[in-house]
């Protein structure tokens, strides 16, 4: 995590908040939309897929991948900040 070590802790905390907020915003209601899409395809079969069900399923899958990437970025920033916090006052956050 050398790339993150050059940034001050407050910047990482701010970015972590933005990433967490973006992940929460994107994941809001994604389960309900996925279940509705599955129900549509089960009820109407191939016609539902041709009418946009397949495209919606692909978009929900891509949205899920983006949510996962945001979660991983959040955890990476969290680990960096916790490592700095545990290192104490003379830790990696201090620059000469």
C-alpha atoms as a PDB file:
ATOM      1  CA  UNK A   1       0.000   0.000   0.000  1.00  0.00           C
ATOM      2  CA  UNK A   2       2.869   2.328  -0.721  1.00  0.00           C
ATOM      3  CA  UNK A   3       0.752   4.280  -3.182  1.00  0.00           C
ATOM      4  CA  UNK A   4      -1.652   5.324  -0.442  1.00  0.00           C
ATOM      5  CA  UNK A   5       1.101   6.201   2.034  1.00  0.00           C
ATOM      6  CA  UNK A   6       1.892   9.472   0.267  1.00  0.00           C
ATOM      7  CA  UNK A   7      -1.568  10.928   0.940  1.00  0.00           C
ATOM      8  CA  UNK A   8      -2.537  12.502   4.263  1.00  0.00           C
ATOM      9  CA  UNK A   9      -5.004  10.618   6.433  1.00  0.00           C
ATOM     10  CA  UNK A  10      -7.744  13.238   6.064  1.00  0.00           C
ATOM     11  CA  UNK A  11      -7.692  12.853   2.260  1.00  0.00           C
ATOM     12  CA  UNK A  12      -7.979   9.075   2.544  1.00  0.00           C
ATOM     13  CA  UNK A  13     -10.816   9.457   5.035  1.00  0.00           C
ATOM     14  CA  UNK A  14     -12.644  11.838   2.704  1.00  0.00           C
ATOM     15  CA  UNK A  15     -12.201   9.505  -0.286  1.00  0.00           C
ATOM     16  CA  UNK A  16     -13.308   6.567   1.846  1.00  0.00           C
ATOM     17  CA  UNK A  17     -16.500   8.436   2.716  1.00  0.00           C
ATOM     18  CA  UNK A  18     -17.169   9.271  -0.934  1.00  0.00           C
ATOM     19  CA  UNK A  19     -16.542   5.680  -2.033  1.00  0.00           C
ATOM     20  CA  UNK A  20     -18.772   4.335   0.735  1.00  0.00           C
ATOM     21  CA  UNK A  21     -21.535   6.769  -0.160  1.00  0.00           C
ATOM     22  CA  UNK A  22     -21.312   5.890  -3.851  1.00  0.00           C
ATOM     23  CA  UNK A  23     -21.484   2.183  -3.034  1.00  0.00           C
ATOM     24  CA  UNK A  24     -24.503   2.680  -0.814  1.00  0.00           C
ATOM     25  CA  UNK A  25     -26.249   4.804  -3.439  1.00  0.00           C
ATOM     26  CA  UNK A  26     -25.633   2.242  -6.182  1.00  0.00           C
ATOM     27  CA  UNK A  27     -26.659  -0.740  -4.081  1.00  0.00           C
ATOM     28  CA  UNK A  28     -29.905   0.855  -2.963  1.00  0.00           C
ATOM     29  CA  UNK A  29     -32.782  -1.243  -4.265  1.00  0.00           C
ATOM     30  CA  UNK A  30     -30.596  -3.453  -6.492  1.00  0.00           C
ATOM     31  CA  UNK A  31     -31.921  -6.660  -4.895  1.00  0.00           C
ATOM     32  CA  UNK A  32     -35.541  -5.679  -5.505  1.00  0.00           C
ATOM     33  CA  UNK A  33     -34.785  -4.844  -9.151  1.00  0.00           C
ATOM     34  CA  UNK A  34     -32.986  -8.149  -9.642  1.00  0.00           C
ATOM     35  CA  UNK A  35     -35.853 -10.133  -8.138  1.00  0.00           C
ATOM     36  CA  UNK A  36     -38.375  -8.256 -10.309  1.00  0.00           C
ATOM     37  CA  UNK A  37     -36.287  -9.003 -13.399  1.00  0.00           C
ATOM     38  CA  UNK A  38     -36.101 -12.711 -12.528  1.00  0.00           C
ATOM     39  CA  UNK A  39     -39.857 -12.775 -11.919  1.00  0.00           C
ATOM     40  CA  UNK A  40     -40.504 -11.092 -15.298  1.00  0.00           C
ATOM     41  CA  UNK A  41     -38.364 -13.631 -17.139  1.00  0.00           C
ATOM     42  CA  UNK A  42     -39.979 -16.543 -15.292  1.00  0.00           C
ATOM     43  CA  UNK A  43     -43.476 -15.331 -16.153  1.00  0.00           C
ATOM     44  CA  UNK A  44     -42.961 -14.349 -19.780  1.00  0.00           C
ATOM     45  CA  UNK A  45     -39.883 -16.313 -20.834  1.00  0.00           C
ATOM     46  CA  UNK A  46     -38.130 -15.426 -24.077  1.00  0.00           C
ATOM     47  CA  UNK A  47     -40.480 -12.555 -24.881  1.00  0.00           C
ATOM     48  CA  UNK A  48     -39.390 -10.785 -21.682  1.00  0.00           C
ATOM     49  CA  UNK A  49     -35.741 -11.277 -22.636  1.00  0.00           C
ATOM     50  CA  UNK A  50     -36.348  -9.784 -26.066  1.00  0.00           C
ATOM     51  CA  UNK A  51     -38.266  -6.862 -24.592  1.00  0.00           C
ATOM     52  CA  UNK A  52     -35.315  -5.735 -22.489  1.00  0.00           C
ATOM     53  CA  UNK A  53     -35.068  -8.252 -19.674  1.00  0.00           C
ATOM     54  CA  UNK A  54     -31.684  -9.484 -20.854  1.00  0.00           C
ATOM     55  CA  UNK A  55     -30.259  -5.977 -21.133  1.00  0.00           C
ATOM     56  CA  UNK A  56     -31.588  -5.126 -17.692  1.00  0.00           C
ATOM     57  CA  UNK A  57     -30.034  -8.301 -16.255  1.00  0.00           C
ATOM     58  CA  UNK A  58     -26.686  -7.400 -17.804  1.00  0.00           C
ATOM     59  CA  UNK A  59     -26.894  -3.856 -16.448  1.00  0.00           C
ATOM     60  CA  UNK A  60     -27.718  -5.186 -12.974  1.00  0.00           C
ATOM     61  CA  UNK A  61     -24.711  -7.516 -13.212  1.00  0.00           C
ATOM     62  CA  UNK A  62     -22.438  -4.631 -14.181  1.00  0.00           C
ATOM     63  CA  UNK A  63     -23.888  -2.560 -11.372  1.00  0.00           C
ATOM     64  CA  UNK A  64     -23.098  -5.405  -8.979  1.00  0.00           C
ATOM     65  CA  UNK A  65     -19.499  -5.527 -10.196  1.00  0.00           C
ATOM     66  CA  UNK A  66     -19.156  -1.784  -9.703  1.00  0.00           C
ATOM     67  CA  UNK A  67     -20.583  -2.086  -6.181  1.00  0.00           C
ATOM     68  CA  UNK A  68     -18.043  -4.830  -5.447  1.00  0.00           C
ATOM     69  CA  UNK A  69     -15.186  -2.671  -6.750  1.00  0.00           C
ATOM     70  CA  UNK A  70     -16.317   0.231  -4.572  1.00  0.00           C
ATOM     71  CA  UNK A  71     -16.503  -2.063  -1.550  1.00  0.00           C
ATOM     72  CA  UNK A  72     -12.966  -3.305  -2.173  1.00  0.00           C
ATOM     73  CA  UNK A  73     -11.706   0.278  -2.524  1.00  0.00           C
ATOM     74  CA  UNK A  74     -13.437   1.170   0.757  1.00  0.00           C
ATOM     75  CA  UNK A  75     -11.788  -1.757   2.538  1.00  0.00           C
ATOM     76  CA  UNK A  76      -8.373  -0.899   1.088  1.00  0.00           C
ATOM     77  CA  UNK A  77      -8.652   2.653   2.390  1.00  0.00           C
ATOM     78  CA  UNK A  78      -9.905   1.372   5.732  1.00  0.00           C
ATOM     79  CA  UNK A  79      -6.928  -0.957   6.146  1.00  0.00           C
ATOM     80  CA  UNK A  80      -4.505   1.866   5.330  1.00  0.00           C
ATOM     81  CA  UNK A  81      -6.105   4.201   7.869  1.00  0.00           C
ATOM     82  CA  UNK A  82      -6.257   1.548  10.601  1.00  0.00           C
ATOM     83  CA  UNK A  83      -2.606   0.663   9.975  1.00  0.00           C
ATOM     84  CA  UNK A  84      -1.638   4.310  10.397  1.00  0.00           C
ATOM     85  CA  UNK A  85      -3.741   4.629  13.518  1.00  0.00           C
ATOM     86  CA  UNK A  86      -2.168   1.547  15.098  1.00  0.00           C
ATOM     87  CA  UNK A  87       1.328   2.768  14.251  1.00  0.00           C
ATOM     88  CA  UNK A  88       0.854   5.702  16.614  1.00  0.00           C
ATOM     89  CA  UNK A  89       2.135   9.283  16.496  1.00  0.00           C
ATOM     90  CA  UNK A  90       5.475   8.427  14.888  1.00  0.00           C
ATOM     91  CA  UNK A  91       3.906   6.202  12.256  1.00  0.00           C
ATOM     92  CA  UNK A  92       3.816   6.428   8.481  1.00  0.00           C
ATOM     93  CA  UNK A  93       1.471   9.435   8.447  1.00  0.00           C
ATOM     94  CA  UNK A  94       4.239  11.727   9.719  1.00  0.00           C
ATOM     95  CA  UNK A  95       6.474  13.267   7.079  1.00  0.00           C
ATOM     96  CA  UNK A  96       9.901  14.748   7.929  1.00  0.00           C
END
